[in-house]
Amino acid sequence: MSNCFILLAAGQSKRFKSKKPKQYMLYKNKLIYEHSVDKVLKSGLFKHIIIVVDNNYFIKKKYPRKIKIIKGGKERSDSSLLGLECAKKLKVKNGLIHDAARPN
């Protein structure tokens, strides 16, 4: 199994009208992006998980070794490309890109 999950969490949520992007807001005692991370870890479908983040908001914490944190780009397409480039270095066969602001 060489599947990779790429979670885009570097967006600015400009339409959200908050000082903090929505993926970094609390929902049910967890940051919104953490709901996706938890579900992906529980699924067991992915050998690698790449979280593409905005360093201004991302809260560093200890994650399992299969999770790699990288800095996102200016636009969503830039962050997607950075995630795919990272996945290529990990020699994965399949990649799935998901938006961190939509956990379910």
PDB file of N, CA and C in Angstrom:
ATOM      1  N   MET A   1       0.856  -1.189   0.000  1.00  0.00           N
ATOM      2  CA  MET A   1       0.000   0.000   0.000  1.00  0.00           C
ATOM      3  C   MET A   1       0.889   1.235   0.000  1.00  0.00           C
ATOM      4  N   SER A   2       0.747   2.071  -1.007  1.00  0.00           N
ATOM      5  CA  SER A   2       1.508   3.321  -1.035  1.00  0.00           C
ATOM      6  C   SER A   2       0.575   4.487  -1.344  1.00  0.00           C
ATOM      7  N   ASN A   3      -0.468   4.592  -0.547  1.00  0.00           N
ATOM      8  CA  ASN A   3      -1.413   5.699  -0.690  1.00  0.00           C
ATOM      9  C   ASN A   3      -0.979   6.859   0.193  1.00  0.00           C
ATOM     10  N   CYS A   4      -1.245   8.068  -0.293  1.00  0.00           N
ATOM     11  CA  CYS A   4      -0.877   9.278   0.434  1.00  0.00           C
ATOM     12  C   CYS A   4      -2.086  10.208   0.535  1.00  0.00           C
ATOM     13  N   PHE A   5      -2.306  10.751   1.709  1.00  0.00           N
ATOM     14  CA  PHE A   5      -3.383  11.708   1.954  1.00  0.00           C
ATOM     15  C   PHE A   5      -2.737  13.075   2.123  1.00  0.00           C
ATOM     16  N   ILE A   6      -3.136  14.032   1.296  1.00  0.00           N
ATOM     17  CA  ILE A   6      -2.602  15.393   1.363  1.00  0.00           C
ATOM     18  C   ILE A   6      -3.707  16.297   1.882  1.00  0.00           C
ATOM     19  N   LEU A   7      -3.479  16.883   3.036  1.00  0.00           N
ATOM     20  CA  LEU A   7      -4.468  17.746   3.678  1.00  0.00           C
ATOM     21  C   LEU A   7      -4.041  19.195   3.513  1.00  0.00           C
ATOM     22  N   LEU A   8      -4.830  19.956   2.764  1.00  0.00           N
ATOM     23  CA  LEU A   8      -4.519  21.365   2.521  1.00  0.00           C
ATOM     24  C   LEU A   8      -5.054  22.215   3.669  1.00  0.00           C
ATOM     25  N   ALA A   9      -4.134  22.751   4.489  1.00  0.00           N
ATOM     26  CA  ALA A   9      -4.517  23.552   5.653  1.00  0.00           C
ATOM     27  C   ALA A   9      -3.811  24.905   5.657  1.00  0.00           C
ATOM     28  N   ALA A  10      -3.425  25.388   4.475  1.00  0.00           N
ATOM     29  CA  ALA A  10      -2.687  26.647   4.399  1.00  0.00           C
ATOM     30  C   ALA A  10      -3.554  27.819   3.953  1.00  0.00           C
ATOM     31  N   GLY A  11      -4.836  27.580   3.696  1.00  0.00           N
ATOM     32  CA  GLY A  11      -5.716  28.637   3.193  1.00  0.00           C
ATOM     33  C   GLY A  11      -5.966  29.751   4.190  1.00  0.00           C
ATOM     34  N   GLN A  12      -6.335  30.907   3.672  1.00  0.00           N
ATOM     35  CA  GLN A  12      -6.553  32.093   4.501  1.00  0.00           C
ATOM     36  C   GLN A  12      -8.008  32.311   4.889  1.00  0.00           C
ATOM     37  N   SER A  13      -8.940  31.586   4.298  1.00  0.00           N
ATOM     38  CA  SER A  13     -10.380  31.719   4.612  1.00  0.00           C
ATOM     39  C   SER A  13     -10.841  33.172   4.544  1.00  0.00           C
ATOM     40  N   LYS A  14     -10.547  33.831   3.446  1.00  0.00           N
ATOM     41  CA  LYS A  14     -10.856  35.262   3.293  1.00  0.00           C
ATOM     42  C   LYS A  14     -12.339  35.573   3.439  1.00  0.00           C
ATOM     43  N   ARG A  15     -13.217  34.693   2.998  1.00  0.00           N
ATOM     44  CA  ARG A  15     -14.664  34.943   3.103  1.00  0.00           C
ATOM     45  C   ARG A  15     -15.215  34.626   4.487  1.00  0.00           C
ATOM     46  N   PHE A  16     -14.430  33.991   5.335  1.00  0.00           N
ATOM     47  CA  PHE A  16     -14.879  33.557   6.657  1.00  0.00           C
ATOM     48  C   PHE A  16     -15.034  34.724   7.633  1.00  0.00           C
ATOM     49  N   LYS A  17     -14.385  35.832   7.372  1.00  0.00           N
ATOM     50  CA  LYS A  17     -14.490  37.053   8.196  1.00  0.00           C
ATOM     51  C   LYS A  17     -14.055  36.798   9.644  1.00  0.00           C
ATOM     52  N   SER A  18     -12.894  36.213   9.799  1.00  0.00           N
ATOM     53  CA  SER A  18     -12.327  35.967  11.121  1.00  0.00           C
ATOM     54  C   SER A  18     -10.831  36.252  11.051  1.00  0.00           C
ATOM     55  N   LYS A  19     -10.237  36.537  12.183  1.00  0.00           N
ATOM     56  CA  LYS A  19      -8.792  36.780  12.211  1.00  0.00           C
ATOM     57  C   LYS A  19      -8.008  35.499  11.952  1.00  0.00           C
ATOM     58  N   LYS A  20      -8.626  34.377  12.238  1.00  0.00           N
ATOM     59  CA  LYS A  20      -7.983  33.074  12.102  1.00  0.00           C
ATOM     60  C   LYS A  20      -8.715  32.264  11.029  1.00  0.00           C
ATOM     61  N   PRO A  21      -7.986  31.581  10.125  1.00  0.00           N
ATOM     62  CA  PRO A  21      -8.646  30.724   9.130  1.00  0.00           C
ATOM     63  C   PRO A  21      -9.490  29.642   9.796  1.00  0.00           C
ATOM     64  N   LYS A  22     -10.589  29.264   9.127  1.00  0.00           N
ATOM     65  CA  LYS A  22     -11.545  28.342   9.764  1.00  0.00           C
ATOM     66  C   LYS A  22     -10.961  26.977  10.108  1.00  0.00           C
ATOM     67  N   GLN A  23      -9.990  26.484   9.359  1.00  0.00           N
ATOM     68  CA  GLN A  23      -9.415  25.175   9.669  1.00  0.00           C
ATOM     69  C   GLN A  23      -8.647  25.173  10.993  1.00  0.00           C
ATOM     70  N   TYR A  24      -8.350  26.366  11.522  1.00  0.00           N
ATOM     71  CA  TYR A  24      -7.644  26.490  12.802  1.00  0.00           C
ATOM     72  C   TYR A  24      -8.580  26.909  13.940  1.00  0.00           C
ATOM     73  N   MET A  25      -9.880  26.832  13.700  1.00  0.00           N
ATOM     74  CA  MET A  25     -10.872  27.134  14.735  1.00  0.00           C
ATOM     75  C   MET A  25     -11.220  25.839  15.476  1.00  0.00           C
ATOM     76  N   LEU A  26     -11.683  25.991  16.709  1.00  0.00           N
ATOM     77  CA  LEU A  26     -12.091  24.826  17.498  1.00  0.00           C
ATOM     78  C   LEU A  26     -13.500  24.381  17.135  1.00  0.00           C
ATOM     79  N   TYR A  27     -13.679  23.074  17.040  1.00  0.00           N
ATOM     80  CA  TYR A  27     -14.986  22.464  16.832  1.00  0.00           C
ATOM     81  C   TYR A  27     -14.976  21.147  17.601  1.00  0.00           C
ATOM     82  N   LYS A  28     -15.873  21.007  18.548  1.00  0.00           N
ATOM     83  CA  LYS A  28     -15.934  19.813  19.404  1.00  0.00           C
ATOM     84  C   LYS A  28     -14.576  19.508  20.043  1.00  0.00           C
ATOM     85  N   ASN A  29     -13.981  20.539  20.627  1.00  0.00           N
ATOM     86  CA  ASN A  29     -12.725  20.449  21.387  1.00  0.00           C
ATOM     87  C   ASN A  29     -11.490  20.088  20.567  1.00  0.00           C
ATOM     88  N   LYS A  30     -11.568  20.206  19.243  1.00  0.00           N
ATOM     89  CA  LYS A  30     -10.409  19.972  18.383  1.00  0.00           C
ATOM     90  C   LYS A  30     -10.387  21.043  17.304  1.00  0.00           C
ATOM     91  N   LEU A  31      -9.190  21.320  16.784  1.00  0.00           N
ATOM     92  CA  LEU A  31      -9.107  22.195  15.620  1.00  0.00           C
ATOM     93  C   LEU A  31      -9.776  21.475  14.454  1.00  0.00           C
ATOM     94  N   ILE A  32     -10.396  22.238  13.568  1.00  0.00           N
ATOM     95  CA  ILE A  32     -11.160  21.627  12.480  1.00  0.00           C
ATOM     96  C   ILE A  32     -10.305  20.666  11.650  1.00  0.00           C
ATOM     97  N   TYR A  33      -9.079  21.051  11.317  1.00  0.00           N
ATOM     98  CA  TYR A  33      -8.254  20.158  10.493  1.00  0.00           C
ATOM     99  C   TYR A  33      -7.922  18.851  11.221  1.00  0.00           C
ATOM    100  N   GLU A  34      -7.895  18.874  12.561  1.00  0.00           N
ATOM    101  CA  GLU A  34      -7.577  17.664  13.325  1.00  0.00           C
ATOM    102  C   GLU A  34      -8.649  16.581  13.183  1.00  0.00           C
ATOM    103  N   HIS A  35      -9.885  16.977  12.899  1.00  0.00           N
ATOM    104  CA  HIS A  35     -10.942  15.988  12.674  1.00  0.00           C
ATOM    105  C   HIS A  35     -10.597  15.126  11.451  1.00  0.00           C
ATOM    106  N   SER A  36     -10.106  15.770  10.390  1.00  0.00           N
ATOM    107  CA  SER A  36      -9.709  15.017   9.190  1.00  0.00           C
ATOM    108  C   SER A  36      -8.518  14.116   9.479  1.00  0.00           C
ATOM    109  N   VAL A  37      -7.532  14.644  10.195  1.00  0.00           N
ATOM    110  CA  VAL A  37      -6.342  13.852  10.523  1.00  0.00           C
ATOM    111  C   VAL A  37      -6.740  12.604  11.309  1.00  0.00           C
ATOM    112  N   ASP A  38      -7.591  12.773  12.303  1.00  0.00           N
ATOM    113  CA  ASP A  38      -8.023  11.633  13.116  1.00  0.00           C
ATOM    114  C   ASP A  38      -8.734  10.568  12.279  1.00  0.00           C
ATOM    115  N   LYS A  39      -9.624  11.013  11.375  1.00  0.00           N
ATOM    116  CA  LYS A  39     -10.361  10.058  10.534  1.00  0.00           C
ATOM    117  C   LYS A  39      -9.429   9.302   9.594  1.00  0.00           C
ATOM    118  N   VAL A  40      -8.463  10.009   9.036  1.00  0.00           N
ATOM    119  CA  VAL A  40      -7.523   9.374   8.112  1.00  0.00           C
ATOM    120  C   VAL A  40      -6.647   8.366   8.853  1.00  0.00           C
ATOM    121  N   LEU A  41      -6.183   8.734  10.032  1.00  0.00           N
ATOM    122  CA  LEU A  41      -5.375   7.800  10.822  1.00  0.00           C
ATOM    123  C   LEU A  41      -6.171   6.545  11.171  1.00  0.00           C
ATOM    124  N   LYS A  42      -7.417   6.720  11.566  1.00  0.00           N
ATOM    125  CA  LYS A  42      -8.263   5.576  11.932  1.00  0.00           C
ATOM    126  C   LYS A  42      -8.572   4.677  10.740  1.00  0.00           C
ATOM    127  N   SER A  43      -8.615   5.261   9.540  1.00  0.00           N
ATOM    128  CA  SER A  43      -8.968   4.477   8.351  1.00  0.00           C
ATOM    129  C   SER A  43      -7.921   3.417   8.019  1.00  0.00           C
ATOM    130  N   GLY A  44      -6.664   3.720   8.283  1.00  0.00           N
ATOM    131  CA  GLY A  44      -5.593   2.785   7.948  1.00  0.00           C
ATOM    132  C   GLY A  44      -5.331   2.648   6.457  1.00  0.00           C
ATOM    133  N   LEU A  45      -5.888   3.542   5.648  1.00  0.00           N
ATOM    134  CA  LEU A  45      -5.769   3.438   4.192  1.00  0.00           C
ATOM    135  C   LEU A  45      -4.525   4.115   3.623  1.00  0.00           C
ATOM    136  N   PHE A  46      -3.840   4.909   4.439  1.00  0.00           N
ATOM    137  CA  PHE A  46      -2.758   5.730   3.910  1.00  0.00           C
ATOM    138  C   PHE A  46      -1.437   5.444   4.614  1.00  0.00           C
ATOM    139  N   LYS A  47      -0.408   5.219   3.797  1.00  0.00           N
ATOM    140  CA  LYS A  47       0.932   4.997   4.345  1.00  0.00           C
ATOM    141  C   LYS A  47       1.547   6.318   4.785  1.00  0.00           C
ATOM    142  N   HIS A  48       1.226   7.380   4.053  1.00  0.00           N
ATOM    143  CA  HIS A  48       1.766   8.709   4.350  1.00  0.00           C
ATOM    144  C   HIS A  48       0.631   9.724   4.427  1.00  0.00           C
ATOM    145  N   ILE A  49       0.797  10.697   5.319  1.00  0.00           N
ATOM    146  CA  ILE A  49      -0.134  11.818   5.431  1.00  0.00           C
ATOM    147  C   ILE A  49       0.703  13.084   5.395  1.00  0.00           C
ATOM    148  N   ILE A  50       0.373  13.969   4.467  1.00  0.00           N
ATOM    149  CA  ILE A  50       1.083  15.240   4.343  1.00  0.00           C
ATOM    150  C   ILE A  50       0.100  16.347   4.703  1.00  0.00           C
ATOM    151  N   ILE A  51       0.468  17.169   5.678  1.00  0.00           N
ATOM    152  CA  ILE A  51      -0.365  18.314   6.043  1.00  0.00           C
ATOM    153  C   ILE A  51       0.347  19.561   5.549  1.00  0.00           C
ATOM    154  N   VAL A  52      -0.299  20.281   4.635  1.00  0.00           N
ATOM    155  CA  VAL A  52       0.256  21.499   4.058  1.00  0.00           C
ATOM    156  C   VAL A  52      -0.312  22.661   4.868  1.00  0.00           C
ATOM    157  N   VAL A  53       0.555  23.408   5.562  1.00  0.00           N
ATOM    158  CA  VAL A  53       0.093  24.372   6.560  1.00  0.00           C
ATOM    159  C   VAL A  53       0.546  25.805   6.291  1.00  0.00           C
ATOM    160  N   ASP A  54      -0.104  26.713   7.007  1.00  0.00           N
ATOM    161  CA  ASP A  54       0.314  28.107   7.104  1.00  0.00           C
ATOM    162  C   ASP A  54       1.063  28.205   8.431  1.00  0.00           C
ATOM    163  N   ASN A  55       2.337  28.504   8.387  1.00  0.00           N
ATOM    164  CA  ASN A  55       3.152  28.534   9.606  1.00  0.00           C
ATOM    165  C   ASN A  55       2.690  29.563  10.627  1.00  0.00           C
ATOM    166  N   ASN A  56       1.909  30.560  10.209  1.00  0.00           N
ATOM    167  CA  ASN A  56       1.445  31.584  11.144  1.00  0.00           C
ATOM    168  C   ASN A  56       0.386  31.059  12.108  1.00  0.00           C
ATOM    169  N   TYR A  57      -0.328  30.017  11.736  1.00  0.00           N
ATOM    170  CA  TYR A  57      -1.434  29.521  12.552  1.00  0.00           C
ATOM    171  C   TYR A  57      -1.259  28.093  13.039  1.00  0.00           C
ATOM    172  N   PHE A  58      -0.441  27.334  12.357  1.00  0.00           N
ATOM    173  CA  PHE A  58      -0.304  25.916  12.690  1.00  0.00           C
ATOM    174  C   PHE A  58       0.291  25.746  14.083  1.00  0.00           C
ATOM    175  N   ILE A  59      -0.322  24.882  14.881  1.00  0.00           N
ATOM    176  CA  ILE A  59       0.152  24.610  16.232  1.00  0.00           C
ATOM    177  C   ILE A  59       0.983  23.334  16.187  1.00  0.00           C
ATOM    178  N   LYS A  60       2.266  23.485  16.482  1.00  0.00           N
ATOM    179  CA  LYS A  60       3.153  22.319  16.450  1.00  0.00           C
ATOM    180  C   LYS A  60       2.808  21.377  17.590  1.00  0.00           C
ATOM    181  N   LYS A  61       2.718  20.116  17.251  1.00  0.00           N
ATOM    182  CA  LYS A  61       2.476  19.080  18.244  1.00  0.00           C
ATOM    183  C   LYS A  61       3.080  17.783  17.743  1.00  0.00           C
ATOM    184  N   LYS A  62       3.090  16.803  18.572  1.00  0.00           N
ATOM    185  CA  LYS A  62       3.691  15.526  18.192  1.00  0.00           C
ATOM    186  C   LYS A  62       2.681  14.691  17.407  1.00  0.00           C
ATOM    187  N   TYR A  63       3.085  14.295  16.212  1.00  0.00           N
ATOM    188  CA  TYR A  63       2.255  13.463  15.348  1.00  0.00           C
ATOM    189  C   TYR A  63       2.958  12.129  15.105  1.00  0.00           C
ATOM    190  N   PRO A  64       2.205  11.111  14.690  1.00  0.00           N
ATOM    191  CA  PRO A  64       2.841   9.842  14.306  1.00  0.00           C
ATOM    192  C   PRO A  64       3.840  10.057  13.163  1.00  0.00           C
ATOM    193  N   ARG A  65       4.799   9.158  13.042  1.00  0.00           N
ATOM    194  CA  ARG A  65       5.858   9.293  12.031  1.00  0.00           C
ATOM    195  C   ARG A  65       5.329   9.367  10.606  1.00  0.00           C
ATOM    196  N   LYS A  66       4.179   8.779  10.341  1.00  0.00           N
ATOM    197  CA  LYS A  66       3.651   8.764   8.976  1.00  0.00           C
ATOM    198  C   LYS A  66       3.162  10.140   8.531  1.00  0.00           C
ATOM    199  N   ILE A  67       3.074  11.107   9.458  1.00  0.00           N
ATOM    200  CA  ILE A  67       2.594  12.453   9.126  1.00  0.00           C
ATOM    201  C   ILE A  67       3.774  13.382   8.898  1.00  0.00           C
ATOM    202  N   LYS A  68       3.742  14.054   7.749  1.00  0.00           N
ATOM    203  CA  LYS A  68       4.774  15.030   7.392  1.00  0.00           C
ATOM    204  C   LYS A  68       4.100  16.393   7.276  1.00  0.00           C
ATOM    205  N   ILE A  69       4.697  17.412   7.887  1.00  0.00           N
ATOM    206  CA  ILE A  69       4.169  18.773   7.854  1.00  0.00           C
ATOM    207  C   ILE A  69       5.033  19.590   6.906  1.00  0.00           C
ATOM    208  N   ILE A  70       4.400  20.262   5.930  1.00  0.00           N
ATOM    209  CA  ILE A  70       5.154  21.133   5.024  1.00  0.00           C
ATOM    210  C   ILE A  70       4.461  22.488   4.928  1.00  0.00           C
ATOM    211  N   LYS A  71       5.229  23.500   4.547  1.00  0.00           N
ATOM    212  CA  LYS A  71       4.699  24.858   4.405  1.00  0.00           C
ATOM    213  C   LYS A  71       3.959  24.982   3.080  1.00  0.00           C
ATOM    214  N   GLY A  72       2.802  25.622   3.132  1.00  0.00           N
ATOM    215  CA  GLY A  72       1.981  25.806   1.943  1.00  0.00           C
ATOM    216  C   GLY A  72       2.424  26.977   1.086  1.00  0.00           C
ATOM    217  N   GLY A  73       1.790  27.103  -0.064  1.00  0.00           N
ATOM    218  CA  GLY A  73       2.080  28.182  -0.989  1.00  0.00           C
ATOM    219  C   GLY A  73       1.107  29.333  -0.848  1.00  0.00           C
ATOM    220  N   LYS A  74       1.232  30.295  -1.746  1.00  0.00           N
ATOM    221  CA  LYS A  74       0.393  31.496  -1.705  1.00  0.00           C
ATOM    222  C   LYS A  74      -1.058  31.181  -2.068  1.00  0.00           C
ATOM    223  N   GLU A  75      -1.250  30.335  -3.044  1.00  0.00           N
ATOM    224  CA  GLU A  75      -2.589  29.968  -3.516  1.00  0.00           C
ATOM    225  C   GLU A  75      -2.825  28.470  -3.296  1.00  0.00           C
ATOM    226  N   ARG A  76      -4.096  28.068  -3.386  1.00  0.00           N
ATOM    227  CA  ARG A  76      -4.449  26.655  -3.191  1.00  0.00           C
ATOM    228  C   ARG A  76      -3.710  25.758  -4.179  1.00  0.00           C
ATOM    229  N   SER A  77      -3.619  26.208  -5.414  1.00  0.00           N
ATOM    230  CA  SER A  77      -2.928  25.408  -6.431  1.00  0.00           C
ATOM    231  C   SER A  77      -1.448  25.236  -6.084  1.00  0.00           C
ATOM    232  N   ASP A  78      -0.832  26.273  -5.509  1.00  0.00           N
ATOM    233  CA  ASP A  78       0.573  26.177  -5.091  1.00  0.00           C
ATOM    234  C   ASP A  78       0.730  25.146  -3.970  1.00  0.00           C
ATOM    235  N   SER A  79      -0.181  25.186  -3.005  1.00  0.00           N
ATOM    236  CA  SER A  79      -0.133  24.237  -1.888  1.00  0.00           C
ATOM    237  C   SER A  79      -0.366  22.810  -2.372  1.00  0.00           C
ATOM    238  N   SER A  80      -1.288  22.642  -3.323  1.00  0.00           N
ATOM    239  CA  SER A  80      -1.542  21.311  -3.894  1.00  0.00           C
ATOM    240  C   SER A  80      -0.282  20.775  -4.563  1.00  0.00           C
ATOM    241  N   LEU A  81       0.371  21.627  -5.341  1.00  0.00           N
ATOM    242  CA  LEU A  81       1.591  21.220  -6.037  1.00  0.00           C
ATOM    243  C   LEU A  81       2.695  20.854  -5.046  1.00  0.00           C
ATOM    244  N   LEU A  82       2.852  21.649  -3.993  1.00  0.00           N
ATOM    245  CA  LEU A  82       3.861  21.343  -2.973  1.00  0.00           C
ATOM    246  C   LEU A  82       3.574  19.992  -2.311  1.00  0.00           C
ATOM    247  N   GLY A  83       2.302  19.729  -2.034  1.00  0.00           N
ATOM    248  CA  GLY A  83       1.921  18.441  -1.457  1.00  0.00           C
ATOM    249  C   GLY A  83       2.218  17.286  -2.395  1.00  0.00           C
ATOM    250  N   LEU A  84       1.910  17.464  -3.674  1.00  0.00           N
ATOM    251  CA  LEU A  84       2.172  16.416  -4.667  1.00  0.00           C
ATOM    252  C   LEU A  84       3.669  16.178  -4.860  1.00  0.00           C
ATOM    253  N   GLU A  85       4.450  17.262  -4.836  1.00  0.00           N
ATOM    254  CA  GLU A  85       5.904  17.115  -4.958  1.00  0.00           C
ATOM    255  C   GLU A  85       6.473  16.336  -3.770  1.00  0.00           C
ATOM    256  N   CYS A  86       5.956  16.615  -2.592  1.00  0.00           N
ATOM    257  CA  CYS A  86       6.377  15.883  -1.391  1.00  0.00           C
ATOM    258  C   CYS A  86       5.991  14.405  -1.519  1.00  0.00           C
ATOM    259  N   ALA A  87       4.785  14.146  -1.999  1.00  0.00           N
ATOM    260  CA  ALA A  87       4.318  12.767  -2.186  1.00  0.00           C
ATOM    261  C   ALA A  87       5.205  12.029  -3.192  1.00  0.00           C
ATOM    262  N   LYS A  88       5.612  12.727  -4.238  1.00  0.00           N
ATOM    263  CA  LYS A  88       6.476  12.113  -5.247  1.00  0.00           C
ATOM    264  C   LYS A  88       7.802  11.673  -4.623  1.00  0.00           C
ATOM    265  N   LYS A  89       8.350  12.510  -3.740  1.00  0.00           N
ATOM    266  CA  LYS A  89       9.604  12.153  -3.055  1.00  0.00           C
ATOM    267  C   LYS A  89       9.430  10.925  -2.164  1.00  0.00           C
ATOM    268  N   LEU A  90       8.215  10.738  -1.662  1.00  0.00           N
ATOM    269  CA  LEU A  90       7.923   9.574  -0.816  1.00  0.00           C
ATOM    270  C   LEU A  90       7.616   8.325  -1.644  1.00  0.00           C
ATOM    271  N   LYS A  91       7.594   8.496  -2.975  1.00  0.00           N
ATOM    272  CA  LYS A  91       7.358   7.396  -3.922  1.00  0.00           C
ATOM    273  C   LYS A  91       6.013   6.705  -3.705  1.00  0.00           C
ATOM    274  N   VAL A  92       4.981   7.510  -3.544  1.00  0.00           N
ATOM    275  CA  VAL A  92       3.649   6.933  -3.360  1.00  0.00           C
ATOM    276  C   VAL A  92       3.026   6.610  -4.712  1.00  0.00           C
ATOM    277  N   LYS A  93       2.101   5.681  -4.709  1.00  0.00           N
ATOM    278  CA  LYS A  93       1.422   5.283  -5.943  1.00  0.00           C
ATOM    279  C   LYS A  93       0.170   6.123  -6.173  1.00  0.00           C
ATOM    280  N   ASN A  94      -0.598   6.361  -5.113  1.00  0.00           N
ATOM    281  CA  ASN A  94      -1.856   7.104  -5.218  1.00  0.00           C
ATOM    282  C   ASN A  94      -1.876   8.243  -4.207  1.00  0.00           C
ATOM    283  N   GLY A  95      -2.453   9.368  -4.615  1.00  0.00           N
ATOM    284  CA  GLY A  95      -2.577  10.511  -3.715  1.00  0.00           C
ATOM    285  C   GLY A  95      -3.995  11.036  -3.703  1.00  0.00           C
ATOM    286  N   LEU A  96      -4.429  11.481  -2.537  1.00  0.00           N
ATOM    287  CA  LEU A  96      -5.754  12.069  -2.391  1.00  0.00           C
ATOM    288  C   LEU A  96      -5.580  13.425  -1.724  1.00  0.00           C
ATOM    289  N   ILE A  97      -6.119  14.475  -2.340  1.00  0.00           N
ATOM    290  CA  ILE A  97      -6.025  15.831  -1.793  1.00  0.00           C
ATOM    291  C   ILE A  97      -7.360  16.191  -1.158  1.00  0.00           C
ATOM    292  N   HIS A  98      -7.297  16.712   0.070  1.00  0.00           N
ATOM    293  CA  HIS A  98      -8.511  17.066   0.816  1.00  0.00           C
ATOM    294  C   HIS A  98      -8.350  18.454   1.427  1.00  0.00           C
ATOM    295  N   ASP A  99      -9.438  19.195   1.490  1.00  0.00           N
ATOM    296  CA  ASP A  99      -9.461  20.536   2.063  1.00  0.00           C
ATOM    297  C   ASP A  99      -9.684  20.437   3.572  1.00  0.00           C
ATOM    298  N   ALA A 100      -8.769  20.978   4.367  1.00  0.00           N
ATOM    299  CA  ALA A 100      -8.827  20.869   5.833  1.00  0.00           C
ATOM    300  C   ALA A 100     -10.029  21.569   6.448  1.00  0.00           C
ATOM    301  N   ALA A 101     -10.616  22.520   5.743  1.00  0.00           N
ATOM    302  CA  ALA A 101     -11.762  23.256   6.285  1.00  0.00           C
ATOM    303  C   ALA A 101     -13.067  22.480   6.138  1.00  0.00           C
ATOM    304  N   ARG A 102     -13.016  21.295   5.538  1.00  0.00           N
ATOM    305  CA  ARG A 102     -14.206  20.453   5.350  1.00  0.00           C
ATOM    306  C   ARG A 102     -13.935  19.070   5.925  1.00  0.00           C
ATOM    307  N   PRO A 103     -14.028  18.943   7.252  1.00  0.00           N
ATOM    308  CA  PRO A 103     -13.593  17.703   7.896  1.00  0.00           C
ATOM    309  C   PRO A 103     -14.462  16.475   7.666  1.00  0.00           C
ATOM    310  N   ASN A 104     -15.702  16.630   7.288  1.00  0.00           N
ATOM    311  CA  ASN A 104     -16.553  15.436   7.159  1.00  0.00           C
ATOM    312  C   ASN A 104     -16.742  15.031   5.740  1.00  0.00           C
TER     313      ASN A 104
END
